[in-house]
Protein backbone atom coordinates (compact mmCIF):
# COMPACT_ATOMS: atom_id res chain seq x y z
CA MET A 1 0.11 -0.07 0.19
CA ALA A 2 1.62 3.54 -1.01
CA TRP A 3 1.80 6.20 1.48
CA THR A 4 -1.41 8.35 1.56
CA LYS A 5 -2.34 11.30 3.89
CA GLN A 6 -4.13 8.58 5.96
CA ASN A 7 -1.32 6.39 6.20
CA LYS A 8 0.83 9.30 7.20
CA LYS A 9 -1.63 10.39 9.97
CA THR A 10 -1.76 6.72 11.34
CA TRP A 11 2.00 6.62 11.43
CA ARG A 12 2.05 9.55 13.41
CA LYS A 13 -0.59 8.37 15.90
CA LEU A 14 1.14 4.84 15.97
CA LEU A 15 4.45 6.31 17.14
CA CYS A 16 2.51 8.47 19.80
CA TYR A 17 0.83 5.26 21.04
CA PHE A 18 4.20 3.15 20.90
CA LYS A 19 5.85 5.96 23.18
CA ARG A 20 3.19 5.99 25.64
CA THR A 21 2.45 1.94 25.75
CA LEU A 22 6.13 0.61 25.01
CA PRO A 23 8.27 3.11 26.84
CA SER A 24 11.94 2.57 26.35
CA ILE A 25 14.77 3.54 29.15
CA LYS A 26 15.62 6.22 26.63
CA LYS A 27 13.84 8.60 24.47
CA VAL A 28 13.13 7.07 20.87
CA HIS A 29 13.10 9.25 17.81
CA VAL A 30 12.01 7.70 14.37
CA ARG A 31 12.91 8.74 11.06
CA ARG A 32 11.95 7.59 7.45
CA ILE A 33 14.92 8.28 5.41
CA LYS A 34 16.66 7.33 2.08
CA LEU A 35 19.36 4.82 3.66
CA PRO A 36 22.98 5.34 3.12
CA LYS A 37 24.94 2.64 1.03
CA CYS A 38 26.43 1.22 3.84
CA ARG A 39 22.87 0.34 5.43
CA ARG A 40 20.74 -0.67 2.07
CA GLU A 41 20.74 -4.38 2.65
CA TYR A 42 18.31 -3.48 5.79
CA GLN A 43 15.01 -2.07 5.93
CA GLY A 44 15.56 -0.28 8.93
CA TYR A 45 17.98 -0.01 11.84
CA VAL A 46 18.56 1.38 15.19
CA ILE A 47 21.48 3.64 16.70
CA ASP A 48 22.01 3.72 20.40
CA THR A 49 23.24 7.11 21.84
CA SER A 50 23.85 7.85 25.41
CA LYS A 51 20.36 9.60 25.76
CA ALA A 52 18.35 8.37 22.98
CA TYR A 53 17.33 5.61 20.30
CA TYR A 54 17.39 6.59 16.90
CA ILE A 55 15.11 4.38 14.39
CA PHE A 56 15.77 4.87 10.77
CA ILE A 57 13.26 3.13 8.09
CA ASP A 58 13.88 3.09 4.58
CA LYS A 59 11.84 5.89 3.00
CA THR A 60 11.26 3.63 -0.15
CA LEU A 61 9.02 1.07 1.77
CA THR A 62 5.73 1.07 1.12
CA TYR A 63 3.32 1.67 4.46
CA ASP A 64 2.78 -2.17 5.39
CA PRO A 65 6.53 -3.33 5.13
CA ALA A 66 7.29 0.09 7.06
CA ILE A 67 5.02 -0.72 9.84
CA ASP A 68 6.29 -4.46 9.91
CA THR A 69 9.92 -2.80 10.22
CA LEU A 70 8.99 -0.24 12.90
CA ILE A 71 7.63 -3.13 14.84
CA GLU A 72 11.01 -4.96 14.76
CA GLU A 73 13.28 -2.00 15.39
CA TRP A 74 10.83 -0.43 18.03
CA ALA A 75 11.50 -4.18 19.81
CA HIS A 76 15.39 -3.20 20.10
CA THR A 77 14.53 -0.27 22.06
CA ILE A 78 12.55 -2.30 24.78
CA ALA A 79 14.87 -5.18 24.76
CA GLY A 80 17.66 -3.33 25.81
CA PHE A 81 19.71 -3.01 22.59
CA LYS A 82 23.12 -1.94 23.23
CA GLY A 83 24.27 -0.55 19.81
CA GLY A 84 27.57 -1.22 18.02
CA THR A 85 27.44 -4.96 18.06
CA GLU A 86 27.64 -6.77 14.81
CA ASN A 87 26.39 -9.92 16.47
CA GLU A 88 23.05 -11.02 14.85
CA LEU A 89 22.38 -13.65 17.84
CA GLU A 90 22.99 -11.08 20.28
CA ASP A 91 20.66 -8.18 18.72
CA HIS A 92 18.01 -10.69 17.63
CA GLY A 93 18.16 -13.08 20.62
CA ALA A 94 15.37 -14.25 23.27
CA ALA A 95 14.73 -10.75 24.69
CA TRP A 96 14.27 -9.12 21.43
CA GLY A 97 12.00 -12.02 20.20
CA ARG A 98 9.84 -11.22 23.45
CA ALA A 99 9.76 -7.52 22.65
CA VAL A 100 8.70 -8.28 19.07
CA SER A 101 5.66 -10.25 20.56
CA LYS A 102 4.96 -7.54 22.77
CA VAL A 103 5.21 -4.73 20.24
CA LYS A 104 3.09 -6.71 17.83
CA GLN A 105 0.66 -7.24 20.29
CA ALA A 106 0.31 -3.43 21.04
CA TYR A 107 0.14 -2.75 17.46
CA LEU A 108 -2.99 -5.32 17.09
CA LYS A 109 -4.66 -3.28 19.86
CA PHE A 110 -4.04 0.25 18.09
């Protein structure tokens, strides 16, 4: 599904809903951007700074894949993602899997 005005409005409401119902220990910022060449193999990623998490979602994604990516990236923020690791198992372990389930359940209630 392409991005419509209604999709953009729903996206903003969903971000507010996630911030309210799925709080992280740090502030979470979400941006849809054209991903840099070094990140093009991903649909999104999280950067962990000392004060906040920054979620970047590929701007070329249509609405539904962007939502799926947001769910997976938001899960990192509530699973205690430390950032800087290239270890897929560490980044996508049991804690992250439980967090994905929690975020998906919240999305279904949205």
